[in-house]
């Protein structure tokens, strides 16, 4: 999985102070909005699950991140 800012190419982001679904995740270098927290969570979860699937693992991914409890199942199509 790789990520980079669409404006400057930086792989670094700054998360919003309050993890409100509509708060913006910002590029740490150019400070441009990358996505809302909700969109960023979903996009990163999809990317991690795609990498997990590509690796051929037969088990289910486990996350200790403070994600929405249903997000992993929803993105994996198990809702």
C-alpha atoms as a PDB file:
ATOM      1  CA  UNK A   1       0.000   0.000   0.000  1.00  0.00           C
ATOM      2  CA  UNK A   2       1.271   3.452  -0.792  1.00  0.00           C
ATOM      3  CA  UNK A   3      -0.230   6.884  -0.442  1.00  0.00           C
ATOM      4  CA  UNK A   4       0.778  10.332  -1.593  1.00  0.00           C
ATOM      5  CA  UNK A   5      -0.792  13.798  -1.607  1.00  0.00           C
ATOM      6  CA  UNK A   6      -2.367  14.717  -4.930  1.00  0.00           C
ATOM      7  CA  UNK A   7      -0.891  18.230  -4.693  1.00  0.00           C
ATOM      8  CA  UNK A   8       2.712  17.789  -3.509  1.00  0.00           C
ATOM      9  CA  UNK A   9       3.355  14.031  -3.462  1.00  0.00           C
ATOM     10  CA  UNK A  10       4.054  13.804   0.279  1.00  0.00           C
ATOM     11  CA  UNK A  11       3.143  10.494   1.966  1.00  0.00           C
ATOM     12  CA  UNK A  12       2.536  12.235   5.336  1.00  0.00           C
ATOM     13  CA  UNK A  13      -0.831  13.343   6.678  1.00  0.00           C
ATOM     14  CA  UNK A  14      -2.091  15.147   9.766  1.00  0.00           C
ATOM     15  CA  UNK A  15      -5.249  13.743  11.310  1.00  0.00           C
ATOM     16  CA  UNK A  16      -7.897  16.144  12.613  1.00  0.00           C
ATOM     17  CA  UNK A  17      -7.806  16.902  16.344  1.00  0.00           C
ATOM     18  CA  UNK A  18     -11.380  15.678  16.657  1.00  0.00           C
ATOM     19  CA  UNK A  19     -12.052  12.556  14.627  1.00  0.00           C
ATOM     20  CA  UNK A  20     -15.396  13.864  13.418  1.00  0.00           C
ATOM     21  CA  UNK A  21     -16.568  12.150  10.223  1.00  0.00           C
ATOM     22  CA  UNK A  22     -16.635  15.506   8.361  1.00  0.00           C
ATOM     23  CA  UNK A  23     -13.302  16.851   9.672  1.00  0.00           C
ATOM     24  CA  UNK A  24     -10.486  17.088   7.146  1.00  0.00           C
ATOM     25  CA  UNK A  25      -7.316  15.026   7.042  1.00  0.00           C
ATOM     26  CA  UNK A  26      -4.568  17.356   5.805  1.00  0.00           C
ATOM     27  CA  UNK A  27      -1.326  16.817   3.952  1.00  0.00           C
ATOM     28  CA  UNK A  28       1.404  17.401   6.518  1.00  0.00           C
ATOM     29  CA  UNK A  29       3.676  19.137   4.003  1.00  0.00           C
ATOM     30  CA  UNK A  30       1.439  21.423   1.931  1.00  0.00           C
ATOM     31  CA  UNK A  31      -1.531  21.496   4.379  1.00  0.00           C
ATOM     32  CA  UNK A  32      -4.066  20.905   1.587  1.00  0.00           C
ATOM     33  CA  UNK A  33      -7.141  18.852   2.528  1.00  0.00           C
ATOM     34  CA  UNK A  34      -6.716  15.218   1.502  1.00  0.00           C
ATOM     35  CA  UNK A  35     -10.179  13.900   2.402  1.00  0.00           C
ATOM     36  CA  UNK A  36     -12.704  13.914   5.196  1.00  0.00           C
ATOM     37  CA  UNK A  37     -11.944  11.580   8.092  1.00  0.00           C
ATOM     38  CA  UNK A  38     -14.796   9.288   6.969  1.00  0.00           C
ATOM     39  CA  UNK A  39     -13.492   9.034   3.394  1.00  0.00           C
ATOM     40  CA  UNK A  40      -9.875   8.662   4.534  1.00  0.00           C
ATOM     41  CA  UNK A  41     -10.788   5.790   6.908  1.00  0.00           C
ATOM     42  CA  UNK A  42     -12.726   3.974   4.215  1.00  0.00           C
ATOM     43  CA  UNK A  43     -10.031   4.477   1.572  1.00  0.00           C
ATOM     44  CA  UNK A  44      -7.213   3.303   3.847  1.00  0.00           C
ATOM     45  CA  UNK A  45      -9.251   0.324   5.058  1.00  0.00           C
ATOM     46  CA  UNK A  46      -9.920  -0.725   1.460  1.00  0.00           C
ATOM     47  CA  UNK A  47      -6.215  -0.395   0.623  1.00  0.00           C
ATOM     48  CA  UNK A  48      -5.142  -2.479   3.629  1.00  0.00           C
ATOM     49  CA  UNK A  49      -7.728  -5.177   2.856  1.00  0.00           C
ATOM     50  CA  UNK A  50      -6.633  -5.274  -0.793  1.00  0.00           C
ATOM     51  CA  UNK A  51      -3.001  -5.750   0.296  1.00  0.00           C
ATOM     52  CA  UNK A  52      -4.094  -8.426   2.753  1.00  0.00           C
ATOM     53  CA  UNK A  53      -6.025 -10.272   0.032  1.00  0.00           C
ATOM     54  CA  UNK A  54      -3.189  -9.920  -2.481  1.00  0.00           C
ATOM     55  CA  UNK A  55      -0.797 -11.486   0.039  1.00  0.00           C
ATOM     56  CA  UNK A  56      -3.000 -14.590  -0.083  1.00  0.00           C
ATOM     57  CA  UNK A  57      -3.718 -14.775   3.599  1.00  0.00           C
ATOM     58  CA  UNK A  58      -6.598 -17.088   4.445  1.00  0.00           C
ATOM     59  CA  UNK A  59      -7.268 -15.506   7.816  1.00  0.00           C
ATOM     60  CA  UNK A  60      -9.185 -12.328   8.622  1.00  0.00           C
ATOM     61  CA  UNK A  61      -7.317  -9.070   9.242  1.00  0.00           C
ATOM     62  CA  UNK A  62      -7.244  -7.740  12.791  1.00  0.00           C
ATOM     63  CA  UNK A  63      -6.977  -4.027  13.502  1.00  0.00           C
ATOM     64  CA  UNK A  64      -6.291  -2.215  16.728  1.00  0.00           C
ATOM     65  CA  UNK A  65      -6.955   1.170  15.136  1.00  0.00           C
ATOM     66  CA  UNK A  66      -9.924   3.176  16.451  1.00  0.00           C
ATOM     67  CA  UNK A  67     -11.995   2.510  13.333  1.00  0.00           C
ATOM     68  CA  UNK A  68     -15.753   2.410  13.115  1.00  0.00           C
ATOM     69  CA  UNK A  69     -16.617  -1.134  14.325  1.00  0.00           C
ATOM     70  CA  UNK A  70     -18.665  -1.911  11.210  1.00  0.00           C
ATOM     71  CA  UNK A  71     -16.230  -0.397   8.719  1.00  0.00           C
ATOM     72  CA  UNK A  72     -13.982  -3.426   8.318  1.00  0.00           C
ATOM     73  CA  UNK A  73     -16.958  -5.740   7.725  1.00  0.00           C
ATOM     74  CA  UNK A  74     -18.639  -3.261   5.371  1.00  0.00           C
ATOM     75  CA  UNK A  75     -15.565  -2.747   3.231  1.00  0.00           C
ATOM     76  CA  UNK A  76     -14.889  -6.478   3.149  1.00  0.00           C
ATOM     77  CA  UNK A  77     -18.504  -7.036   2.020  1.00  0.00           C
ATOM     78  CA  UNK A  78     -19.555  -8.939   5.117  1.00  0.00           C
ATOM     79  CA  UNK A  79     -22.385  -6.706   6.340  1.00  0.00           C
END
